[in-house]
Amino acid sequence: SCSISFEQNQIKRNRAKGPGGAIQLGTGSKLLVTSSTTLSANTAGTDGGAIACHTCDSIVMNSGTLFSSNTAGESGGAMSVANPVLKTLSSSSTFRENRAETGNGGAVHVLDSSSAGEPTSEWSSSGDTFENNVAISGSGGAIATFGTAVTLQSDSSCKNNKAPKGGGGCMLWESNA
């Protein structure tokens, strides 16, 4: 496992054939993104245009993190989180103009396939802005979650997101993966 921290960084124009156009987190990894870090114009061939997590411990983003113009060939234009161990927390982040080409979640895709019944994973947004994101062929223009609890605080906004061929212009929520 590893712990990664970004503070006031510019992470731009990276490409991956598989998941995580800029960052791929494996089992037990922790990511902290703070203080006006920008992740933009990153591209993943599969999931997570900027960030992909598979069974990572935690992702925490705060203090003005910006995800803009990232593209996933499949799901999670900005980020894809699969089977996270702990809650994924986002505070005062902006997700703008991210795209999921063939899957779900124009900006964010969260999947917990390990849960049977009640969701064990959670996505929590406080003061976040989701705008102009698109799931081209899937659902959840901004956010798509499967088997995951979702908390959007009242100070978060979701506007002008699209899922032209699916449901949930802002969000798709499925209780089971």
Protein backbone atom coordinates (compact mmCIF):
# COMPACT_ATOMS: atom_id res chain seq x y z
CA SER A 1 0.00 0.00 0.00
CA CYS A 2 1.02 3.62 -0.44
CA SER A 3 -0.12 7.11 0.51
CA ILE A 4 -0.06 9.87 -2.10
CA SER A 5 -0.66 13.56 -1.46
CA PHE A 6 -1.04 16.41 -3.96
CA GLU A 7 -1.08 20.08 -2.97
CA GLN A 8 -1.37 22.90 -5.52
CA ASN A 9 -0.38 20.62 -8.42
CA GLN A 10 -1.28 20.72 -12.10
CA ILE A 11 -1.85 17.20 -13.43
CA LYS A 12 -2.61 17.63 -17.12
CA ARG A 13 -2.69 15.83 -20.48
CA ASN A 14 -1.78 12.33 -19.30
CA ARG A 15 -2.91 9.13 -21.07
CA ALA A 16 -3.32 5.51 -20.08
CA LYS A 17 -4.43 2.61 -22.26
CA GLY A 18 -6.24 1.12 -19.25
CA PRO A 19 -7.73 2.74 -16.11
CA GLY A 20 -6.61 6.00 -14.51
CA GLY A 21 -5.54 8.47 -17.16
CA ALA A 22 -3.31 10.27 -14.62
CA ILE A 23 -3.45 8.15 -11.44
CA GLN A 24 -4.29 4.53 -10.78
CA LEU A 25 -4.62 3.48 -7.13
CA GLY A 26 -4.33 -0.17 -6.18
CA THR A 27 -5.28 -2.18 -3.11
CA GLY A 28 -4.62 -0.36 0.16
CA SER A 29 -3.63 2.97 -1.45
CA LYS A 30 -4.62 6.34 0.01
CA LEU A 31 -4.95 9.60 -1.94
CA LEU A 32 -5.21 13.11 -0.50
CA VAL A 33 -5.75 16.01 -2.93
CA THR A 34 -5.76 19.53 -1.46
CA SER A 35 -5.20 23.22 -2.05
CA SER A 36 -6.31 24.02 -5.56
CA THR A 37 -4.96 20.97 -7.39
CA THR A 38 -6.11 20.71 -11.02
CA LEU A 39 -6.56 17.46 -12.94
CA SER A 40 -7.41 18.28 -16.55
CA ALA A 41 -7.37 16.84 -20.08
CA ASN A 42 -6.38 13.37 -18.86
CA THR A 43 -7.59 10.31 -20.78
CA ALA A 44 -8.09 6.68 -19.77
CA GLY A 45 -8.79 3.93 -22.28
CA THR A 46 -11.17 2.32 -19.79
CA ASP A 47 -12.35 3.79 -16.45
CA GLY A 48 -11.36 6.94 -14.56
CA GLY A 49 -10.27 9.65 -16.95
CA ALA A 50 -8.06 11.25 -14.27
CA ILE A 51 -8.20 8.83 -11.30
CA ALA A 52 -9.03 5.14 -10.97
CA CYS A 53 -9.18 3.25 -7.68
CA HIS A 54 -9.62 -0.48 -7.27
CA THR A 55 -10.02 -1.56 -3.64
CA CYS A 56 -8.06 1.50 -2.48
CA ASP A 57 -8.35 2.52 1.17
CA SER A 58 -9.45 6.12 0.74
CA ILE A 59 -9.70 9.17 -1.47
CA VAL A 60 -10.10 12.63 0.07
CA MET A 61 -10.35 15.78 -2.07
CA ASN A 62 -10.77 19.25 -0.64
CA SER A 63 -9.88 22.93 -0.83
CA GLY A 64 -10.72 23.61 -4.44
CA THR A 65 -9.77 20.49 -6.38
CA LEU A 66 -10.71 20.96 -10.06
CA PHE A 67 -11.44 18.09 -12.47
CA SER A 68 -11.95 19.46 -15.98
CA SER A 69 -12.09 18.02 -19.50
CA ASN A 70 -11.05 14.49 -18.51
CA THR A 71 -12.25 11.54 -20.62
CA ALA A 72 -12.81 7.87 -19.84
CA GLY A 73 -13.27 5.42 -22.70
CA GLU A 74 -15.77 3.63 -20.46
CA SER A 75 -17.02 4.93 -17.05
CA GLY A 76 -16.10 7.81 -14.74
CA GLY A 77 -14.98 10.72 -16.89
CA ALA A 78 -13.05 12.30 -14.01
CA MET A 79 -12.82 9.37 -11.61
CA SER A 80 -13.83 5.77 -11.13
CA VAL A 81 -13.86 4.18 -7.67
CA ALA A 82 -14.41 0.41 -7.41
CA ASN A 83 -14.81 -1.41 -4.09
CA PRO A 84 -13.28 1.28 -1.87
CA VAL A 85 -12.51 0.28 1.71
CA LEU A 86 -13.48 3.64 3.25
CA LYS A 87 -15.78 6.53 2.36
CA THR A 88 -14.72 8.73 -0.57
CA LEU A 89 -14.88 12.36 0.54
CA SER A 90 -15.04 15.42 -1.69
CA SER A 91 -15.31 18.97 -0.37
CA SER A 92 -15.31 22.19 -2.40
CA SER A 93 -14.33 20.34 -5.57
CA THR A 94 -15.45 21.19 -9.10
CA PHE A 95 -16.18 18.57 -11.76
CA ARG A 96 -16.56 20.34 -15.10
CA GLU A 97 -16.83 19.10 -18.70
CA ASN A 98 -15.73 15.51 -18.05
CA ARG A 99 -16.90 12.67 -20.35
CA ALA A 100 -17.60 8.97 -20.08
CA GLU A 101 -17.67 7.64 -23.65
CA THR A 102 -19.36 4.21 -23.44
CA GLY A 103 -20.18 3.73 -19.74
CA ASN A 104 -21.77 5.53 -16.81
CA GLY A 105 -20.89 8.61 -14.77
CA GLY A 106 -19.80 11.56 -16.86
CA ALA A 107 -17.75 12.83 -13.91
CA VAL A 108 -17.87 10.12 -11.21
CA HIS A 109 -18.49 6.37 -11.24
CA VAL A 110 -18.57 4.48 -7.91
CA LEU A 111 -19.12 0.74 -7.71
CA ASP A 112 -19.15 -1.57 -4.71
CA SER A 113 -19.63 -5.08 -6.02
CA SER A 114 -18.64 -6.58 -2.67
CA SER A 115 -21.84 -5.56 -0.88
CA ALA A 116 -24.80 -7.89 -0.61
CA GLY A 117 -27.88 -5.90 0.35
CA GLU A 118 -27.08 -2.63 2.15
CA PRO A 119 -24.33 -0.49 0.58
CA THR A 120 -21.01 -0.58 2.46
CA SER A 121 -19.25 2.12 0.41
CA GLU A 122 -20.07 5.81 0.44
CA TRP A 123 -19.51 8.86 -1.75
CA SER A 124 -19.88 12.13 0.14
CA SER A 125 -19.94 15.61 -1.47
CA SER A 126 -19.93 18.87 0.44
CA GLY A 127 -19.84 22.16 -1.44
CA ASP A 128 -19.04 20.42 -4.72
CA THR A 129 -20.04 21.64 -8.17
CA PHE A 130 -20.92 19.24 -11.00
CA GLU A 131 -21.51 21.01 -14.30
CA ASN A 132 -21.50 20.22 -18.01
CA ASN A 133 -20.43 16.58 -17.58
CA VAL A 134 -21.75 13.93 -19.96
CA ALA A 135 -22.18 10.15 -20.05
CA ILE A 136 -22.34 9.78 -23.84
CA SER A 137 -23.83 6.26 -24.05
CA GLY A 138 -24.61 5.50 -20.40
CA SER A 139 -26.46 6.93 -17.41
CA GLY A 140 -25.62 9.46 -14.72
CA GLY A 141 -24.48 12.60 -16.51
CA ALA A 142 -22.51 13.70 -13.45
CA ILE A 143 -22.58 10.75 -11.02
CA ALA A 144 -23.34 7.03 -11.35
CA THR A 145 -23.22 4.84 -8.25
CA PHE A 146 -23.89 1.13 -7.84
CA GLY A 147 -24.13 -0.51 -4.41
CA THR A 148 -22.91 2.73 -2.83
CA ALA A 149 -24.51 5.17 -0.38
CA VAL A 150 -24.45 8.77 -1.62
CA THR A 151 -24.50 11.99 0.40
CA LEU A 152 -24.83 15.29 -1.46
CA GLN A 153 -24.86 18.14 1.04
CA SER A 154 -27.24 21.02 0.33
CA ASP A 155 -24.34 23.27 -0.66
CA SER A 156 -23.42 21.00 -3.60
CA SER A 157 -24.81 21.78 -7.06
CA CYS A 158 -25.50 19.70 -10.13
CA LYS A 159 -26.33 21.57 -13.33
CA ASN A 160 -26.25 21.13 -17.10
CA ASN A 161 -25.07 17.50 -16.96
CA LYS A 162 -26.32 15.06 -19.59
CA ALA A 163 -26.92 11.38 -20.21
CA PRO A 164 -28.29 11.55 -23.80
CA LYS A 165 -28.87 7.80 -24.18
CA GLY A 166 -29.49 6.86 -20.55
CA GLY A 167 -31.17 8.06 -17.37
CA GLY A 168 -30.23 10.47 -14.63
CA GLY A 169 -28.95 13.69 -16.15
CA CYS A 170 -27.44 14.52 -12.78
CA MET A 171 -27.25 11.16 -11.02
CA LEU A 172 -27.94 7.45 -11.41
CA TRP A 173 -28.15 5.54 -8.13
CA GLU A 174 -28.58 1.77 -8.00
CA SER A 175 -28.69 0.18 -4.56
CA ASN A 176 -27.13 -3.06 -5.76
CA ALA A 177 -24.09 -3.52 -7.96
